[in-house]
Amino acid sequence: MAQQPAVHTTEGGQRLVIGNGGVLEVEDGGTVTGLEVSGKDPAEAVADASSDGSDVTAQFNALLASLRAAGYLAE
């Protein structure tokens, strides 16, 4: 049986899976839409978090944790 790549689609392309070792990269000008985290769009949540000058990696990991807790990302 062939191994799945770290990033692949399932359900006829209806679901994007980012597995162990996979990376979701949003390039300059790219956006994420349709999700709310604590009542905010993810882009707003990141912008709010980054405005205090603290570590961006920690903020992104906190965002991922929030998405997991809300059921948008698998554990």
Foldseek 3Di string as FASTA:
>chain_A
DDDDPQWDADPVRPRIHRHVPGDDDADVVGDDDDDDFPNHGLVVQLVVVCVVVDDSVVSVVVSVVSCCVVPNHPD
